[in-house]
Amino acid sequence: MQIIPVLDLSKGLVVHAKNGNRNHYRPIQSSLCPSANPVEIVHSYLELHCFQKLYIADLDAIENQGDNSRVIQKIISEFPELEIWLDTGLSLISLYLDRLDCRLLRIILSTESMLSASTFSMLRTNYRNHQFLLSVDFRANTLIGSQEIIQDKGSWPPDVVVLNLDNVGTCMGVDFPMILNQHDLFEKHNIFYGGGIRNYADLLQLKKIGAAGALLSTALHKKSITKNELQKFNR
């Protein structure tokens, strides 16, 4: 099971995403790094562990309130060995896929941002060679976005993020939406879970149920999952 650190970006800084209430997000206060500078945070992540992937959420782009494209392009240039998983909503997909030469960039299509199955289909048709990920976003056990996409699991790509927006940044534990058939989901897709992961025990729980990966931010910044535990887990 892969462990993937997360950067939530707003106004050029890494912020502490919590409960999905984006208006209340503030610059991260981290035990790993004295700064909320994105490049410095990534360096701190890599000092903690030799991560292969990095998940970036451009919260301003997702909310259609500007974007962090310059910062993201700097991260891509500074860390060319990292595979970047990027959620920018829909507004900047062409910027990254048409203009930026980055073979290790993968765009995340989130159900929160897609209001129709036709948009999902069009993007996958227009960028046939790109390995999109789908993010299935939920709150209070309710899946957010186009119900047509959510119900048509046959159209989903192999790699799927299940994101619990209520638990993001809270360290409240793993909580899959009951309305998804968990057994069917794990059998047919590579599932990467994010939202509320507290500690090493939660990582073991996800591994036991067959998750392909875990998205981590708060647990890393609080050091509730340590460098030694990351090494132990990956052994």
Protein backbone atom coordinates (compact mmCIF):
# COMPACT_ATOMS: atom_id res chain seq x y z
CA MET A 1 0.00 0.00 0.00
CA GLN A 2 1.35 3.40 -1.00
CA ILE A 3 1.45 6.41 1.30
CA ILE A 4 0.97 9.71 -0.52
CA PRO A 5 1.57 13.06 1.20
CA VAL A 6 -0.83 15.92 0.44
CA LEU A 7 -0.39 19.64 -0.24
CA ASP A 8 -3.49 21.83 0.02
CA LEU A 9 -2.67 25.14 -1.65
CA SER A 10 -4.34 28.52 -1.26
CA LYS A 11 -2.93 31.97 -2.05
CA GLY A 12 0.49 30.46 -2.69
CA LEU A 13 0.77 28.75 0.71
CA VAL A 14 0.15 25.31 2.16
CA VAL A 15 -2.98 25.48 4.31
CA HIS A 16 -4.47 23.19 6.93
CA ALA A 17 -7.55 21.72 5.27
CA LYS A 18 -10.12 20.81 7.91
CA ASN A 19 -13.72 19.54 7.64
CA GLY A 20 -13.93 20.80 4.04
CA ASN A 21 -14.71 24.35 5.26
CA ARG A 22 -12.38 26.11 2.83
CA ASN A 23 -13.26 29.63 3.96
CA HIS A 24 -11.69 28.83 7.33
CA TYR A 25 -8.46 27.26 6.10
CA ARG A 26 -5.32 28.91 7.48
CA PRO A 27 -1.59 28.48 6.67
CA ILE A 28 -0.30 25.19 7.99
CA GLN A 29 1.46 25.09 11.36
CA SER A 30 3.70 22.10 11.04
CA SER A 31 6.05 20.19 13.30
CA LEU A 32 7.96 19.21 10.16
CA CYS A 33 8.67 22.68 8.83
CA PRO A 34 8.57 26.22 10.28
CA SER A 35 7.20 27.58 7.02
CA ALA A 36 4.00 27.22 4.98
CA ASN A 37 6.05 27.58 1.78
CA PRO A 38 5.03 24.71 -0.55
CA VAL A 39 8.54 23.91 -1.80
CA GLU A 40 9.91 23.84 1.74
CA ILE A 41 7.06 21.59 2.87
CA VAL A 42 7.80 19.13 0.03
CA HIS A 43 11.48 19.08 1.07
CA SER A 44 10.32 18.29 4.62
CA TYR A 45 8.12 15.47 3.36
CA LEU A 46 11.04 13.95 1.47
CA GLU A 47 13.32 14.23 4.51
CA LEU A 48 10.68 12.31 6.43
CA HIS A 49 10.38 9.54 3.83
CA CYS A 50 11.30 8.77 0.23
CA PHE A 51 7.78 9.31 -1.13
CA GLN A 52 7.22 8.51 -4.81
CA LYS A 53 4.01 10.51 -5.28
CA LEU A 54 2.60 13.85 -4.14
CA TYR A 55 -1.08 14.83 -4.10
CA ILE A 56 -1.75 18.55 -4.70
CA ALA A 57 -5.12 20.24 -4.34
CA ASP A 58 -5.27 23.76 -5.81
CA LEU A 59 -8.12 24.97 -3.61
CA ASP A 60 -8.32 28.40 -5.26
CA ALA A 61 -8.76 26.85 -8.71
CA ILE A 62 -11.32 24.36 -7.37
CA GLU A 63 -13.32 27.29 -5.94
CA ASN A 64 -12.80 29.42 -9.09
CA GLN A 65 -11.00 32.08 -7.03
CA GLY A 66 -7.68 32.28 -8.85
CA ASP A 67 -5.10 29.53 -8.92
CA ASN A 68 -1.67 28.37 -7.77
CA SER A 69 -0.33 27.33 -11.16
CA ARG A 70 3.02 29.13 -10.75
CA VAL A 71 3.66 27.41 -7.43
CA ILE A 72 2.65 24.05 -8.86
CA GLN A 73 4.89 24.46 -11.90
CA LYS A 74 7.75 25.35 -9.54
CA ILE A 75 7.13 22.17 -7.54
CA ILE A 76 7.08 20.11 -10.74
CA SER A 77 10.40 21.68 -11.83
CA GLU A 78 12.01 21.35 -8.40
CA PHE A 79 11.00 17.73 -7.86
CA PRO A 80 11.03 16.08 -11.31
CA GLU A 81 11.26 12.59 -9.77
CA LEU A 82 7.89 12.93 -8.00
CA GLU A 83 4.69 11.75 -9.64
CA ILE A 84 2.24 14.62 -9.10
CA TRP A 85 -1.46 13.93 -8.58
CA LEU A 86 -3.22 17.23 -9.18
CA ASP A 87 -6.76 18.39 -8.48
CA THR A 88 -7.46 21.83 -9.94
CA GLY A 89 -11.16 21.50 -10.56
CA LEU A 90 -11.90 21.76 -14.27
CA SER A 91 -10.58 25.23 -15.12
CA LEU A 92 -6.86 24.48 -15.51
CA ILE A 93 -6.83 21.00 -17.00
CA SER A 94 -5.92 22.25 -20.49
CA LEU A 95 -3.16 24.45 -19.04
CA TYR A 96 -1.39 21.46 -17.52
CA LEU A 97 -2.08 18.86 -20.19
CA ASP A 98 -1.68 21.02 -23.32
CA ARG A 99 1.12 23.36 -22.31
CA LEU A 100 3.16 21.69 -19.60
CA ASP A 101 5.57 18.89 -20.44
CA CYS A 102 5.48 16.71 -17.36
CA ARG A 103 5.39 12.96 -17.90
CA LEU A 104 4.80 12.33 -14.18
CA LEU A 105 1.70 14.53 -13.89
CA ARG A 106 -1.71 12.91 -13.37
CA ILE A 107 -4.89 14.98 -13.23
CA ILE A 108 -7.61 14.15 -10.72
CA LEU A 109 -11.20 14.50 -11.85
CA SER A 110 -13.32 14.99 -8.73
CA THR A 111 -17.04 14.32 -8.51
CA GLU A 112 -17.33 17.58 -6.56
CA SER A 113 -16.24 19.54 -9.65
CA MET A 114 -18.05 17.57 -12.35
CA LEU A 115 -21.74 18.27 -12.67
CA SER A 116 -22.38 15.88 -15.52
CA ALA A 117 -21.25 12.54 -16.89
CA SER A 118 -20.80 14.18 -20.31
CA THR A 119 -17.99 16.37 -18.93
CA PHE A 120 -16.29 13.29 -17.49
CA SER A 121 -16.61 11.45 -20.80
CA MET A 122 -15.48 14.45 -22.89
CA LEU A 123 -12.28 14.95 -20.90
CA ARG A 124 -11.36 11.30 -21.11
CA THR A 125 -12.05 11.33 -24.87
CA ASN A 126 -10.10 14.56 -25.50
CA TYR A 127 -7.10 13.30 -23.51
CA ARG A 128 -7.23 9.65 -24.40
CA ASN A 129 -3.60 9.00 -23.51
CA HIS A 130 -3.76 10.59 -20.07
CA GLN A 131 -4.16 8.43 -16.97
CA PHE A 132 -6.82 10.38 -15.12
CA LEU A 133 -7.76 9.51 -11.55
CA LEU A 134 -11.31 9.87 -10.26
CA SER A 135 -11.93 11.36 -6.82
CA VAL A 136 -15.23 10.27 -5.28
CA ASP A 137 -15.98 12.99 -2.72
CA PHE A 138 -18.46 12.62 0.11
CA ARG A 139 -19.87 14.34 3.19
CA ALA A 140 -22.16 12.87 5.86
CA ASN A 141 -22.27 9.58 3.92
CA THR A 142 -23.60 11.46 0.86
CA LEU A 143 -21.63 11.34 -2.39
CA ILE A 144 -21.12 14.79 -3.91
CA GLY A 145 -21.46 15.56 -7.62
CA SER A 146 -23.02 13.91 -10.64
CA GLN A 147 -25.00 10.89 -9.49
CA GLU A 148 -24.71 9.52 -13.03
CA ILE A 149 -20.92 9.32 -12.67
CA ILE A 150 -21.14 7.91 -9.17
CA GLN A 151 -23.59 5.17 -10.15
CA ASP A 152 -21.83 4.19 -13.39
CA LYS A 153 -18.82 2.47 -11.82
CA GLY A 154 -18.10 0.77 -15.11
CA SER A 155 -16.91 4.13 -16.45
CA TRP A 156 -14.48 4.73 -13.60
CA PRO A 157 -10.73 4.62 -14.29
CA PRO A 158 -8.62 1.99 -12.47
CA ASP A 159 -7.32 4.42 -9.83
CA VAL A 160 -9.96 6.00 -7.58
CA VAL A 161 -9.60 8.32 -4.59
CA VAL A 162 -12.31 8.07 -1.94
CA LEU A 163 -12.22 11.40 -0.09
CA ASN A 164 -14.07 11.97 3.17
CA LEU A 165 -14.37 15.76 3.23
CA ASP A 166 -15.88 15.81 6.73
CA ASN A 167 -12.86 14.04 8.21
CA VAL A 168 -10.13 15.89 6.29
CA GLY A 169 -7.67 17.43 8.74
CA THR A 170 -9.44 16.08 11.84
CA CYS A 171 -7.56 12.83 12.63
CA MET A 172 -10.94 11.25 13.44
CA GLY A 173 -10.16 7.93 11.81
CA VAL A 174 -10.98 6.00 8.65
CA ASP A 175 -14.64 6.21 7.62
CA PHE A 176 -15.77 4.85 4.24
CA PRO A 177 -19.19 5.88 2.92
CA MET A 178 -21.66 3.11 3.68
CA ILE A 179 -23.47 3.75 0.40
CA LEU A 180 -20.49 2.44 -1.57
CA ASN A 181 -20.20 -1.32 -1.82
CA GLN A 182 -16.79 -1.57 -0.20
CA HIS A 183 -16.07 -5.17 -1.26
CA ASP A 184 -17.02 -4.48 -4.88
CA LEU A 185 -15.06 -1.23 -4.87
CA PHE A 186 -11.79 -2.77 -3.68
CA GLU A 187 -12.15 -5.73 -6.01
CA LYS A 188 -12.51 -3.67 -9.19
CA HIS A 189 -10.44 -0.54 -8.50
CA ASN A 190 -7.26 0.65 -6.86
CA ILE A 191 -8.69 2.65 -3.95
CA PHE A 192 -6.74 5.49 -2.35
CA TYR A 193 -8.40 6.76 0.81
CA GLY A 194 -8.12 10.25 2.28
CA GLY A 195 -9.68 11.99 5.27
CA GLY A 196 -9.16 11.51 9.01
CA ILE A 197 -6.23 9.07 9.07
CA ARG A 198 -4.84 9.32 12.60
CA ASN A 199 -1.96 6.94 13.11
CA TYR A 200 -0.08 3.78 12.22
CA ALA A 201 -3.04 1.62 13.26
CA ASP A 202 -5.24 3.36 10.69
CA LEU A 203 -2.67 2.62 7.99
CA LEU A 204 -2.73 -1.05 8.97
CA GLN A 205 -6.54 -1.02 8.88
CA LEU A 206 -6.52 0.36 5.34
CA LYS A 207 -3.93 -2.17 4.25
CA LYS A 208 -5.98 -5.01 5.75
CA ILE A 209 -9.13 -4.07 3.84
CA GLY A 210 -7.19 -3.86 0.58
CA ALA A 211 -6.61 -0.15 -0.02
CA ALA A 212 -4.02 0.68 -2.66
CA GLY A 213 -2.97 3.81 -0.84
CA ALA A 214 -3.51 6.41 1.86
CA LEU A 215 -3.47 10.21 1.54
CA LEU A 216 -1.76 11.89 4.49
CA SER A 217 -1.28 15.47 5.61
CA THR A 218 -2.30 16.34 9.18
CA ALA A 219 -0.93 13.10 10.67
CA LEU A 220 2.46 13.88 9.10
CA HIS A 221 2.52 17.52 10.21
CA LYS A 222 1.54 16.53 13.77
CA LYS A 223 4.02 13.63 13.73
CA SER A 224 1.29 11.25 14.87
CA ILE A 225 2.72 9.04 12.13
CA THR A 226 6.49 9.11 12.52
CA LYS A 227 9.48 8.60 10.28
CA ASN A 228 10.20 5.24 11.94
CA GLU A 229 6.62 4.09 11.46
CA LEU A 230 6.72 5.03 7.77
CA GLN A 231 9.91 2.99 7.36
CA LYS A 232 8.40 0.09 9.30
CA PHE A 233 5.22 0.19 7.24
CA ASN A 234 7.08 0.13 3.94
CA ARG A 235 9.24 -2.81 4.99
